[in-house]
N, C-alpha and C. Protein backbone atom coordinates (compact mmCIF):
# COMPACT_ATOMS: atom_id res chain seq x y z
N MET A 1 119.11 74.36 157.36
CA MET A 1 118.70 74.31 155.99
C MET A 1 117.46 75.18 155.76
N ARG A 2 116.53 75.09 156.72
CA ARG A 2 115.31 75.90 156.62
C ARG A 2 115.63 77.39 156.62
N ALA A 3 116.56 77.79 157.45
CA ALA A 3 116.94 79.20 157.53
C ALA A 3 117.53 79.68 156.21
N LEU A 4 118.34 78.86 155.58
CA LEU A 4 118.93 79.21 154.30
C LEU A 4 117.86 79.35 153.23
N LEU A 5 116.90 78.43 153.22
CA LEU A 5 115.79 78.50 152.27
C LEU A 5 114.96 79.76 152.51
N TYR A 6 114.71 80.08 153.76
CA TYR A 6 113.96 81.28 154.11
C TYR A 6 114.68 82.53 153.60
N ILE A 7 115.98 82.61 153.80
CA ILE A 7 116.77 83.76 153.36
C ILE A 7 116.72 83.88 151.84
N ILE A 8 116.83 82.77 151.14
CA ILE A 8 116.77 82.79 149.67
C ILE A 8 115.41 83.29 149.19
N ILE A 9 114.34 82.82 149.80
CA ILE A 9 112.99 83.24 149.41
C ILE A 9 112.80 84.73 149.67
N VAL A 10 113.20 85.21 150.83
CA VAL A 10 113.06 86.63 151.17
C VAL A 10 113.88 87.48 150.21
N PHE A 11 115.11 87.08 149.94
CA PHE A 11 115.97 87.81 149.02
C PHE A 11 115.33 87.88 147.64
N THR A 12 114.79 86.75 147.17
CA THR A 12 114.15 86.70 145.86
C THR A 12 112.94 87.63 145.81
N LEU A 13 112.12 87.61 146.84
CA LEU A 13 110.94 88.47 146.87
C LEU A 13 111.32 89.95 146.85
N PHE A 14 112.32 90.34 147.62
CA PHE A 14 112.75 91.74 147.62
C PHE A 14 113.43 92.13 146.32
N SER A 15 114.12 91.20 145.70
CA SER A 15 114.76 91.48 144.41
C SER A 15 113.72 91.71 143.34
N CYS A 16 112.65 90.93 143.39
CA CYS A 16 111.58 91.06 142.39
C CYS A 16 110.72 92.28 142.66
N GLY A 17 110.77 92.81 143.85
CA GLY A 17 109.94 93.94 144.22
C GLY A 17 110.54 95.26 143.82
N SER A 18 111.13 95.33 142.64
CA SER A 18 111.73 96.58 142.17
C SER A 18 110.64 97.60 141.87
N LYS A 19 111.07 98.80 141.54
CA LYS A 19 110.11 99.88 141.32
C LYS A 19 109.14 99.54 140.20
N PRO A 20 107.91 100.00 140.30
CA PRO A 20 106.90 99.68 139.29
C PRO A 20 107.24 100.33 137.94
N ASP A 21 106.80 99.69 136.88
CA ASP A 21 107.04 100.20 135.53
C ASP A 21 106.00 101.28 135.24
N VAL A 22 106.44 102.54 135.20
CA VAL A 22 105.52 103.65 134.95
C VAL A 22 105.27 103.83 133.47
N LEU A 23 106.10 103.23 132.62
CA LEU A 23 105.95 103.40 131.16
C LEU A 23 104.88 102.48 130.58
N ALA A 24 104.87 101.22 130.99
CA ALA A 24 104.00 100.22 130.36
C ALA A 24 102.53 100.61 130.30
N PRO A 25 101.92 101.12 131.36
CA PRO A 25 100.49 101.45 131.23
C PRO A 25 100.20 102.48 130.14
N ILE A 26 101.10 103.42 129.93
CA ILE A 26 100.88 104.47 128.93
C ILE A 26 101.45 104.08 127.57
N MET A 27 102.68 103.59 127.54
CA MET A 27 103.36 103.30 126.28
C MET A 27 103.00 101.93 125.71
N GLY A 28 102.53 101.02 126.56
CA GLY A 28 102.26 99.66 126.13
C GLY A 28 103.41 98.76 126.54
N GLU A 29 103.15 97.48 126.56
CA GLU A 29 104.14 96.54 127.07
C GLU A 29 104.95 95.86 125.97
N THR A 30 104.72 96.20 124.73
CA THR A 30 105.46 95.56 123.65
C THR A 30 106.65 96.42 123.25
N LYS A 31 107.47 95.90 122.37
CA LYS A 31 108.62 96.66 121.88
C LYS A 31 108.24 97.61 120.75
N ALA A 32 106.97 97.72 120.45
CA ALA A 32 106.51 98.63 119.41
C ALA A 32 106.74 100.08 119.86
N HIS A 33 106.58 101.02 118.95
CA HIS A 33 106.82 102.42 119.27
C HIS A 33 105.83 102.98 120.29
N PHE A 34 104.54 102.64 120.16
CA PHE A 34 103.54 103.22 121.07
C PHE A 34 102.32 102.31 121.12
N ARG A 35 102.01 101.77 122.29
CA ARG A 35 100.81 100.99 122.55
C ARG A 35 100.58 99.87 121.52
N GLY A 36 101.65 99.18 121.16
CA GLY A 36 101.55 98.05 120.24
C GLY A 36 101.67 98.42 118.78
N ASN A 37 101.85 99.69 118.48
CA ASN A 37 101.93 100.16 117.09
C ASN A 37 103.30 100.76 116.81
N SER A 38 103.77 100.55 115.58
CA SER A 38 105.05 101.11 115.14
C SER A 38 104.87 101.81 113.80
N ILE A 39 105.71 102.78 113.55
CA ILE A 39 105.71 103.47 112.26
C ILE A 39 105.87 102.41 111.17
N GLY A 40 105.03 102.51 110.14
CA GLY A 40 105.05 101.55 109.04
C GLY A 40 104.00 100.46 109.15
N ASP A 41 103.33 100.35 110.32
CA ASP A 41 102.27 99.35 110.48
C ASP A 41 101.09 99.68 109.58
N LYS A 42 100.39 98.66 109.13
CA LYS A 42 99.22 98.86 108.27
C LYS A 42 98.00 99.26 109.09
N TYR A 43 97.11 100.00 108.47
CA TYR A 43 95.93 100.55 109.14
C TYR A 43 95.12 99.49 109.89
N PRO A 44 94.78 98.31 109.29
CA PRO A 44 93.98 97.33 110.03
C PRO A 44 94.65 96.86 111.33
N ASN A 45 95.97 96.73 111.32
CA ASN A 45 96.68 96.31 112.54
C ASN A 45 96.61 97.39 113.61
N VAL A 46 96.78 98.65 113.22
CA VAL A 46 96.69 99.75 114.19
C VAL A 46 95.27 99.83 114.75
N LEU A 47 94.28 99.70 113.89
CA LEU A 47 92.88 99.73 114.33
C LEU A 47 92.62 98.62 115.35
N LYS A 48 93.18 97.44 115.12
CA LYS A 48 93.02 96.32 116.05
C LYS A 48 93.65 96.64 117.41
N HIS A 49 94.86 97.22 117.39
CA HIS A 49 95.54 97.53 118.65
C HIS A 49 94.87 98.68 119.41
N THR A 50 94.19 99.56 118.72
CA THR A 50 93.59 100.72 119.38
C THR A 50 92.14 100.48 119.79
N ALA A 51 91.61 99.31 119.52
CA ALA A 51 90.21 99.04 119.85
C ALA A 51 89.91 99.30 121.33
N LYS A 52 90.86 99.03 122.21
CA LYS A 52 90.67 99.23 123.65
C LYS A 52 90.91 100.68 124.08
N ASP A 53 91.39 101.51 123.16
CA ASP A 53 91.74 102.90 123.48
C ASP A 53 90.70 103.92 123.03
N ASN A 54 89.45 103.49 122.92
CA ASN A 54 88.33 104.38 122.63
C ASN A 54 88.56 105.24 121.39
N PRO A 55 88.62 104.62 120.20
CA PRO A 55 88.74 105.43 118.98
C PRO A 55 87.56 106.38 118.87
N THR A 56 87.83 107.67 118.71
CA THR A 56 86.75 108.66 118.63
C THR A 56 86.43 109.06 117.21
N SER A 57 87.37 108.83 116.30
CA SER A 57 87.08 109.07 114.89
C SER A 57 88.02 108.24 114.05
N THR A 58 87.54 107.85 112.91
CA THR A 58 88.34 107.07 111.99
C THR A 58 88.24 107.68 110.59
N GLU A 59 88.41 109.00 110.52
CA GLU A 59 88.37 109.66 109.22
C GLU A 59 89.50 109.12 108.35
N GLU A 60 89.37 109.28 107.06
CA GLU A 60 90.36 108.72 106.15
C GLU A 60 91.77 109.24 106.45
N GLY A 61 92.68 108.32 106.64
CA GLY A 61 94.08 108.67 106.87
C GLY A 61 94.41 109.05 108.30
N VAL A 62 93.41 109.06 109.20
CA VAL A 62 93.64 109.47 110.58
C VAL A 62 92.80 108.60 111.52
N LEU A 63 93.38 108.27 112.66
CA LEU A 63 92.66 107.56 113.70
C LEU A 63 92.93 108.30 115.01
N ASN A 64 91.88 108.79 115.66
CA ASN A 64 92.01 109.51 116.93
C ASN A 64 91.47 108.66 118.07
N CYS A 65 92.14 108.72 119.21
CA CYS A 65 91.70 107.99 120.40
C CYS A 65 91.80 108.92 121.61
N GLU A 66 90.86 108.77 122.53
CA GLU A 66 90.89 109.49 123.81
C GLU A 66 90.55 108.49 124.89
N PHE A 67 91.43 108.38 125.90
CA PHE A 67 91.19 107.41 126.96
C PHE A 67 91.99 107.77 128.19
N LYS A 68 91.67 107.09 129.30
CA LYS A 68 92.37 107.26 130.57
C LYS A 68 93.09 105.98 130.91
N VAL A 69 94.30 106.12 131.44
CA VAL A 69 95.06 104.96 131.89
C VAL A 69 96.04 105.44 132.96
N ALA A 70 96.17 104.65 134.01
CA ALA A 70 97.13 104.95 135.09
C ALA A 70 97.01 106.39 135.59
N ASP A 71 95.79 106.85 135.86
CA ASP A 71 95.52 108.20 136.36
C ASP A 71 95.98 109.30 135.39
N SER A 72 96.15 108.96 134.13
CA SER A 72 96.53 109.94 133.11
C SER A 72 95.50 109.90 131.99
N GLU A 73 95.33 111.04 131.34
CA GLU A 73 94.45 111.11 130.18
C GLU A 73 95.30 111.22 128.94
N LEU A 74 94.93 110.48 127.89
CA LEU A 74 95.69 110.50 126.65
C LEU A 74 94.79 110.89 125.49
N ILE A 75 95.31 111.72 124.63
CA ILE A 75 94.70 112.03 123.34
C ILE A 75 95.74 111.64 122.30
N VAL A 76 95.41 110.66 121.48
CA VAL A 76 96.38 110.11 120.54
C VAL A 76 95.83 110.23 119.13
N ARG A 77 96.71 110.66 118.22
CA ARG A 77 96.36 110.79 116.81
C ARG A 77 97.34 109.94 116.00
N TYR A 78 96.80 108.98 115.26
CA TYR A 78 97.59 108.14 114.37
C TYR A 78 97.33 108.62 112.95
N GLU A 79 98.38 108.95 112.21
CA GLU A 79 98.24 109.43 110.83
C GLU A 79 98.84 108.41 109.88
N PHE A 80 98.16 108.20 108.76
CA PHE A 80 98.56 107.19 107.79
C PHE A 80 98.90 107.83 106.45
N ASP A 81 99.85 107.22 105.77
CA ASP A 81 100.25 107.62 104.43
C ASP A 81 100.24 106.35 103.59
N GLN A 82 99.32 106.27 102.65
CA GLN A 82 99.15 105.08 101.81
C GLN A 82 98.93 103.83 102.67
N GLU A 83 98.02 103.92 103.62
CA GLU A 83 97.62 102.82 104.49
C GLU A 83 98.70 102.35 105.48
N LYS A 84 99.82 103.06 105.58
CA LYS A 84 100.84 102.72 106.57
C LYS A 84 100.94 103.84 107.59
N LEU A 85 101.18 103.45 108.84
CA LEU A 85 101.30 104.43 109.92
C LEU A 85 102.51 105.32 109.68
N TYR A 86 102.26 106.61 109.60
CA TYR A 86 103.29 107.59 109.30
C TYR A 86 103.69 108.40 110.54
N ALA A 87 102.72 108.70 111.41
CA ALA A 87 103.01 109.52 112.59
C ALA A 87 102.07 109.17 113.73
N ILE A 88 102.60 109.31 114.95
CA ILE A 88 101.82 109.14 116.17
C ILE A 88 102.02 110.40 117.00
N GLN A 89 100.94 111.05 117.36
CA GLN A 89 101.01 112.23 118.23
C GLN A 89 100.23 111.91 119.50
N ALA A 90 100.92 111.88 120.63
CA ALA A 90 100.28 111.57 121.91
C ALA A 90 100.42 112.74 122.86
N ASP A 91 99.30 113.24 123.33
CA ASP A 91 99.28 114.25 124.38
C ASP A 91 98.87 113.53 125.66
N ILE A 92 99.74 113.58 126.66
CA ILE A 92 99.54 112.83 127.89
C ILE A 92 99.38 113.82 129.03
N PHE A 93 98.21 113.83 129.65
CA PHE A 93 97.89 114.72 130.75
C PHE A 93 98.00 113.93 132.05
N PHE A 94 98.87 114.36 132.93
CA PHE A 94 99.14 113.65 134.18
C PHE A 94 98.35 114.26 135.33
N GLN A 95 98.18 113.46 136.36
CA GLN A 95 97.44 113.89 137.55
C GLN A 95 98.19 115.00 138.29
N ASP A 96 99.53 114.91 138.31
CA ASP A 96 100.32 115.91 139.01
C ASP A 96 101.72 115.98 138.41
N SER A 97 102.48 116.97 138.81
CA SER A 97 103.83 117.17 138.28
C SER A 97 104.78 116.04 138.66
N ALA A 98 104.60 115.45 139.83
CA ALA A 98 105.47 114.34 140.24
C ALA A 98 105.30 113.15 139.30
N SER A 99 104.06 112.85 138.91
CA SER A 99 103.81 111.76 137.96
C SER A 99 104.43 112.05 136.61
N LEU A 100 104.27 113.28 136.14
CA LEU A 100 104.88 113.68 134.87
C LEU A 100 106.39 113.55 134.94
N ASN A 101 107.00 114.05 136.00
CA ASN A 101 108.46 114.02 136.12
C ASN A 101 109.00 112.59 136.16
N LEU A 102 108.34 111.70 136.90
CA LEU A 102 108.77 110.31 136.98
C LEU A 102 108.64 109.63 135.61
N PHE A 103 107.51 109.84 134.94
CA PHE A 103 107.30 109.25 133.62
C PHE A 103 108.35 109.77 132.63
N GLU A 104 108.54 111.09 132.61
CA GLU A 104 109.49 111.70 131.67
C GLU A 104 110.91 111.18 131.92
N LYS A 105 111.32 111.14 133.17
CA LYS A 105 112.67 110.66 133.51
C LYS A 105 112.85 109.22 133.05
N THR A 106 111.88 108.38 133.32
CA THR A 106 111.95 106.97 132.94
C THR A 106 111.95 106.80 131.43
N LEU A 107 111.12 107.58 130.72
CA LEU A 107 111.06 107.51 129.26
C LEU A 107 112.38 107.95 128.64
N ILE A 108 112.96 109.02 129.16
CA ILE A 108 114.25 109.51 128.66
C ILE A 108 115.33 108.44 128.85
N GLU A 109 115.35 107.80 130.02
CA GLU A 109 116.32 106.74 130.26
C GLU A 109 116.13 105.59 129.27
N LYS A 110 114.89 105.20 129.05
CA LYS A 110 114.60 104.11 128.11
C LYS A 110 115.01 104.49 126.70
N TYR A 111 114.61 105.68 126.25
CA TYR A 111 114.95 106.11 124.89
C TYR A 111 116.45 106.27 124.72
N ASN A 112 117.15 106.80 125.72
CA ASN A 112 118.60 106.92 125.63
C ASN A 112 119.25 105.54 125.48
N ALA A 113 118.74 104.55 126.20
CA ALA A 113 119.27 103.20 126.10
C ALA A 113 118.93 102.56 124.76
N SER A 114 117.76 102.87 124.23
CA SER A 114 117.31 102.24 122.99
C SER A 114 117.77 102.97 121.72
N TYR A 115 117.80 104.31 121.76
CA TYR A 115 118.01 105.09 120.53
C TYR A 115 119.21 106.03 120.59
N GLY A 116 119.99 105.96 121.64
CA GLY A 116 121.15 106.84 121.76
C GLY A 116 120.81 108.07 122.59
N VAL A 117 121.84 108.80 122.95
CA VAL A 117 121.68 109.96 123.83
C VAL A 117 120.83 111.03 123.14
N VAL A 118 119.95 111.61 123.90
CA VAL A 118 119.00 112.61 123.40
C VAL A 118 119.71 113.87 122.91
N ASP A 119 119.13 114.50 121.89
CA ASP A 119 119.54 115.82 121.45
C ASP A 119 118.46 116.80 121.87
N GLU A 120 118.85 118.01 122.22
CA GLU A 120 117.87 119.05 122.53
C GLU A 120 117.78 119.99 121.34
N ASP A 121 116.53 120.27 120.93
CA ASP A 121 116.31 121.13 119.77
C ASP A 121 115.11 122.03 120.04
N SER A 122 115.36 123.30 120.31
CA SER A 122 114.31 124.30 120.53
C SER A 122 113.32 123.88 121.61
N GLY A 123 113.81 123.35 122.71
CA GLY A 123 112.93 122.96 123.82
C GLY A 123 112.38 121.54 123.70
N PHE A 124 112.66 120.86 122.60
CA PHE A 124 112.23 119.48 122.40
C PHE A 124 113.40 118.54 122.66
N LEU A 125 113.10 117.38 123.20
CA LEU A 125 114.08 116.31 123.31
C LEU A 125 113.87 115.42 122.08
N VAL A 126 114.95 115.12 121.35
CA VAL A 126 114.82 114.44 120.06
C VAL A 126 115.73 113.23 119.99
N TRP A 127 115.17 112.11 119.54
CA TRP A 127 115.92 110.88 119.26
C TRP A 127 115.63 110.48 117.82
N GLN A 128 116.61 109.95 117.13
CA GLN A 128 116.39 109.41 115.79
C GLN A 128 116.87 107.97 115.76
N HIS A 129 116.13 107.14 115.02
CA HIS A 129 116.42 105.70 114.98
C HIS A 129 115.98 105.13 113.65
N ARG A 130 116.78 104.23 113.10
CA ARG A 130 116.40 103.53 111.87
C ARG A 130 115.60 102.30 112.26
N HIS A 131 114.40 102.15 111.67
CA HIS A 131 113.50 101.05 111.97
C HIS A 131 112.90 100.55 110.66
N SER A 132 113.16 99.31 110.30
CA SER A 132 112.61 98.71 109.08
C SER A 132 112.83 99.61 107.86
N ASP A 133 114.07 100.01 107.63
CA ASP A 133 114.44 100.87 106.50
C ASP A 133 113.77 102.24 106.54
N THR A 134 113.34 102.66 107.68
CA THR A 134 112.71 103.97 107.85
C THR A 134 113.43 104.71 108.97
N GLU A 135 113.67 105.99 108.75
CA GLU A 135 114.26 106.82 109.80
C GLU A 135 113.10 107.35 110.66
N VAL A 136 113.09 106.96 111.93
CA VAL A 136 112.01 107.35 112.83
C VAL A 136 112.56 108.39 113.80
N GLU A 137 111.79 109.46 114.01
CA GLU A 137 112.19 110.49 114.96
C GLU A 137 111.17 110.52 116.10
N PHE A 138 111.70 110.64 117.31
CA PHE A 138 110.88 110.75 118.52
C PHE A 138 111.13 112.13 119.10
N THR A 139 110.09 112.89 119.35
CA THR A 139 110.26 114.19 120.01
C THR A 139 109.38 114.21 121.26
N LEU A 140 109.92 114.78 122.31
CA LEU A 140 109.22 114.85 123.58
C LEU A 140 109.32 116.27 124.09
N ALA A 141 108.18 116.83 124.50
CA ALA A 141 108.16 118.19 125.03
C ALA A 141 107.23 118.26 126.23
N ASP A 142 107.66 118.99 127.24
CA ASP A 142 106.83 119.28 128.41
C ASP A 142 106.06 120.55 128.10
N GLU A 143 104.75 120.42 127.93
CA GLU A 143 103.90 121.56 127.59
C GLU A 143 103.02 121.98 128.77
N SER A 144 103.49 121.70 129.98
CA SER A 144 102.71 121.99 131.18
C SER A 144 102.38 123.47 131.31
N ILE A 145 103.34 124.33 131.05
CA ILE A 145 103.11 125.77 131.20
C ILE A 145 102.02 126.25 130.25
N GLU A 146 102.07 125.80 128.99
CA GLU A 146 101.09 126.23 127.99
C GLU A 146 99.67 125.76 128.33
N PHE A 147 99.55 124.59 128.97
CA PHE A 147 98.23 124.03 129.24
C PHE A 147 97.75 124.23 130.67
N GLY A 148 98.61 124.74 131.54
CA GLY A 148 98.21 124.99 132.92
C GLY A 148 97.97 123.72 133.71
N GLN A 149 98.48 122.60 133.24
CA GLN A 149 98.41 121.34 133.96
C GLN A 149 99.55 120.46 133.45
N PRO A 150 99.93 119.44 134.22
CA PRO A 150 101.05 118.60 133.79
C PRO A 150 100.74 117.86 132.48
N LYS A 151 101.52 118.17 131.42
CA LYS A 151 101.26 117.59 130.10
C LYS A 151 102.56 117.36 129.35
N LEU A 152 102.70 116.16 128.79
CA LEU A 152 103.80 115.85 127.89
C LEU A 152 103.24 115.62 126.49
N SER A 153 103.99 116.05 125.50
CA SER A 153 103.63 115.81 124.12
C SER A 153 104.72 114.92 123.52
N LEU A 154 104.31 113.76 122.98
CA LEU A 154 105.22 112.82 122.36
C LEU A 154 104.82 112.66 120.90
N THR A 155 105.77 112.89 119.99
CA THR A 155 105.51 112.69 118.56
C THR A 155 106.52 111.69 118.04
N ILE A 156 106.01 110.69 117.34
CA ILE A 156 106.84 109.67 116.71
C ILE A 156 106.47 109.67 115.24
N TYR A 157 107.42 109.90 114.35
CA TYR A 157 107.03 109.95 112.94
C TYR A 157 108.13 109.48 112.01
N ASN A 158 107.73 109.22 110.79
CA ASN A 158 108.62 108.79 109.73
C ASN A 158 109.41 110.00 109.29
N PHE A 159 110.65 110.06 109.72
CA PHE A 159 111.50 111.23 109.47
C PHE A 159 112.15 111.19 108.10
N GLY A 160 112.30 109.99 107.53
CA GLY A 160 113.03 109.84 106.29
C GLY A 160 112.25 110.22 105.05
N ASN A 161 110.95 110.27 105.11
CA ASN A 161 110.13 110.56 103.91
C ASN A 161 109.40 111.86 104.03
């Protein structure tokens, strides 16, 4: 009986020891579009969620953040239209190409599962999704060559208006 219990415990531990989630530290752990925020969210809610992300400016209609997480640097711009979140622009600088490639592959798999198979448009990977009566578009581009370091650009915006 002890041997059977030991086998079950070992099996459970190895089953739970799956690969680490490379998306959550950068994208956030909620079902929101990016770090707890979704297109259409009101400004005070976005400001609350970004408090930990070092807001560098809060000019009217725009909220900028610069911070480090999971060995990556992020520059994020939240744009508002009539006090609602209209667009999110995230530039993610990775420590190395392997980190960028793993993150990109995992994000593409997640987006394909959530929003349908990706379309390619002029070097951008594009997904479209209806969210709360709004057409949301996600674009992802590898801009490593232009910046001379591993960099992904992610834009999420209200495509319908």
